[in-house]
Structure formats: C-alpha cells, structure tokens
Amino acid sequence: MILDITGPIRNGMWTYGDPLPSVEIEQVATLKGAGWNGHRLQLHTLAGTYIESADHLLPGRKTISELPIESFVRRAWIAQLSDK
C-alpha cells in the first residue's frame, strides 16, 4: 500500500516563521467576473509537508527536480500517538 502523507496548501498553514513569509492564497479572478478562475499564491519552499534535499545546505548536490520519483516511495511504520 502507498500512503500519501502530503497535506493541502491553505491560508495560515504551519510555517517556520520569520524570516519566511506566511502562506497566503488569494483569488484574483472568478468564473463569474472574469470568465476564468485564478489565484495568487505566496509560500516558501519549506511550507507544510516538503521534501528536504542535500542541495538545501550543500553545494553541488541533486535538487528535488533531479531526484527520481521512485526514490520517494519507502517502507514506513505508522505510530498512533493519540495522547500527543
């Protein structure tokens, strides 16, 4: 079984705080008003559920776009911590 652990991008979602900006989504066009839907997104690359790669801290390492998608599927265990 493959379990997707990502979450939705939404206004006010968790972030690391300063100096990184808050996550904001604003609708800038609507079907009724403009004939199409459009949104402005403000978020940083560490917002929410994200993937850390070595190039974040070490020069010359692979970026996320250079890593094969298969490398993100791994065996895992789930711990239910209802008291936490």
C-alpha atoms as a PDB file:
ATOM      1  CA  MET A   1       0.000   0.000   0.000  1.00  0.00           C
ATOM      2  CA  ILE A   2       1.218   3.516  -0.778  1.00  0.00           C
ATOM      3  CA  LEU A   3       0.071   6.236   1.623  1.00  0.00           C
ATOM      4  CA  ASP A   4       0.281   9.881   0.551  1.00  0.00           C
ATOM      5  CA  ILE A   5       1.309  11.940   3.595  1.00  0.00           C
ATOM      6  CA  THR A   6       1.166  15.354   1.932  1.00  0.00           C
ATOM      7  CA  GLY A   7      -1.350  17.959   3.013  1.00  0.00           C
ATOM      8  CA  PRO A   8      -3.348  20.711   1.345  1.00  0.00           C
ATOM      9  CA  ILE A   9      -1.927  24.186   0.806  1.00  0.00           C
ATOM     10  CA  ARG A  10      -4.167  26.669   2.641  1.00  0.00           C
ATOM     11  CA  ASN A  11      -4.141  30.133   4.170  1.00  0.00           C
ATOM     12  CA  GLY A  12      -2.445  30.244   7.537  1.00  0.00           C
ATOM     13  CA  MET A  13      -0.972  26.755   7.307  1.00  0.00           C
ATOM     14  CA  TRP A  14       2.008  25.908   9.508  1.00  0.00           C
ATOM     15  CA  THR A  15       5.308  27.541   8.654  1.00  0.00           C
ATOM     16  CA  TYR A  16       8.696  28.065  10.314  1.00  0.00           C
ATOM     17  CA  GLY A  17       8.024  31.770  10.903  1.00  0.00           C
ATOM     18  CA  ASP A  18      10.470  34.635  10.393  1.00  0.00           C
ATOM     19  CA  PRO A  19      12.159  35.273   8.089  1.00  0.00           C
ATOM     20  CA  LEU A  20       9.881  33.100   5.937  1.00  0.00           C
ATOM     21  CA  PRO A  21       6.536  34.631   4.859  1.00  0.00           C
ATOM     22  CA  SER A  22       3.152  33.273   5.879  1.00  0.00           C
ATOM     23  CA  VAL A  23       1.254  31.143   3.371  1.00  0.00           C
ATOM     24  CA  GLU A  24      -1.440  33.161   1.602  1.00  0.00           C
ATOM     25  CA  ILE A  25      -3.853  32.235  -1.191  1.00  0.00           C
ATOM     26  CA  GLU A  26      -5.961  34.944  -2.776  1.00  0.00           C
ATOM     27  CA  GLN A  27      -8.486  34.515  -5.572  1.00  0.00           C
ATOM     28  CA  VAL A  28      -7.748  37.174  -8.187  1.00  0.00           C
ATOM     29  CA  ALA A  29     -10.233  36.142 -10.879  1.00  0.00           C
ATOM     30  CA  THR A  30     -13.565  34.284 -10.851  1.00  0.00           C
ATOM     31  CA  LEU A  31     -15.581  32.469 -13.493  1.00  0.00           C
ATOM     32  CA  LYS A  32     -18.476  34.850 -12.903  1.00  0.00           C
ATOM     33  CA  GLY A  33     -16.402  38.043 -13.028  1.00  0.00           C
ATOM     34  CA  ALA A  34     -13.565  37.301 -15.454  1.00  0.00           C
ATOM     35  CA  GLY A  35     -14.674  34.100 -17.149  1.00  0.00           C
ATOM     36  CA  TRP A  36     -11.855  32.124 -15.543  1.00  0.00           C
ATOM     37  CA  ASN A  37     -10.530  31.225 -12.082  1.00  0.00           C
ATOM     38  CA  GLY A  38      -7.124  32.428 -10.958  1.00  0.00           C
ATOM     39  CA  HIS A  39      -5.251  32.663  -7.674  1.00  0.00           C
ATOM     40  CA  ARG A  40      -2.197  34.422  -6.275  1.00  0.00           C
ATOM     41  CA  LEU A  41      -0.032  32.172  -4.099  1.00  0.00           C
ATOM     42  CA  GLN A  42       2.528  33.294  -1.524  1.00  0.00           C
ATOM     43  CA  LEU A  43       4.523  30.487   0.011  1.00  0.00           C
ATOM     44  CA  HIS A  44       8.096  29.446   0.536  1.00  0.00           C
ATOM     45  CA  THR A  45       9.799  26.163  -0.279  1.00  0.00           C
ATOM     46  CA  LEU A  46       9.743  24.977   3.349  1.00  0.00           C
ATOM     47  CA  ALA A  47       5.974  25.405   3.826  1.00  0.00           C
ATOM     48  CA  GLY A  48       3.883  22.473   5.046  1.00  0.00           C
ATOM     49  CA  THR A  49       4.869  18.964   4.034  1.00  0.00           C
ATOM     50  CA  TYR A  50       8.004  19.275   1.961  1.00  0.00           C
ATOM     51  CA  ILE A  51      10.958  17.250   0.804  1.00  0.00           C
ATOM     52  CA  GLU A  52      14.426  18.139   2.006  1.00  0.00           C
ATOM     53  CA  SER A  53      17.267  17.661  -0.440  1.00  0.00           C
ATOM     54  CA  ALA A  54      21.007  17.923   0.099  1.00  0.00           C
ATOM     55  CA  ASP A  55      21.277  20.979  -2.163  1.00  0.00           C
ATOM     56  CA  HIS A  56      19.406  22.946   0.519  1.00  0.00           C
ATOM     57  CA  LEU A  57      22.625  23.063   2.553  1.00  0.00           C
ATOM     58  CA  LEU A  58      25.418  21.528   0.452  1.00  0.00           C
ATOM     59  CA  PRO A  59      26.583  22.927  -2.898  1.00  0.00           C
ATOM     60  CA  GLY A  60      26.667  20.651  -5.941  1.00  0.00           C
ATOM     61  CA  ARG A  61      24.102  18.138  -4.657  1.00  0.00           C
ATOM     62  CA  LYS A  62      20.993  16.993  -6.526  1.00  0.00           C
ATOM     63  CA  THR A  63      17.935  19.218  -6.482  1.00  0.00           C
ATOM     64  CA  ILE A  64      14.400  17.898  -5.966  1.00  0.00           C
ATOM     65  CA  SER A  65      13.755  18.064  -9.707  1.00  0.00           C
ATOM     66  CA  GLU A  66      16.786  15.819 -10.345  1.00  0.00           C
ATOM     67  CA  LEU A  67      15.648  13.041  -7.995  1.00  0.00           C
ATOM     68  CA  PRO A  68      13.592  10.163  -9.500  1.00  0.00           C
ATOM     69  CA  ILE A  69      10.028   9.923  -8.140  1.00  0.00           C
ATOM     70  CA  GLU A  70      10.671   6.288  -7.192  1.00  0.00           C
ATOM     71  CA  SER A  71      13.175   7.439  -4.566  1.00  0.00           C
ATOM     72  CA  PHE A  72      10.322   8.906  -2.502  1.00  0.00           C
ATOM     73  CA  VAL A  73       8.462   5.618  -2.005  1.00  0.00           C
ATOM     74  CA  ARG A  74       9.808   3.784   1.042  1.00  0.00           C
ATOM     75  CA  ARG A  75       8.706   1.266   3.645  1.00  0.00           C
ATOM     76  CA  ALA A  76       7.429   3.028   6.753  1.00  0.00           C
ATOM     77  CA  TRP A  77       5.751   2.372  10.063  1.00  0.00           C
ATOM     78  CA  ILE A  78       2.905   4.431  11.465  1.00  0.00           C
ATOM     79  CA  ALA A  79       2.716   5.188  15.187  1.00  0.00           C
ATOM     80  CA  GLN A  80      -0.600   6.415  16.567  1.00  0.00           C
ATOM     81  CA  LEU A  81       0.135   8.841  19.380  1.00  0.00           C
ATOM     82  CA  SER A  82      -3.368   9.827  20.468  1.00  0.00           C
ATOM     83  CA  ASP A  83      -2.072  11.306  23.740  1.00  0.00           C
ATOM     84  CA  LYS A  84       0.193  13.664  21.815  1.00  0.00           C
END
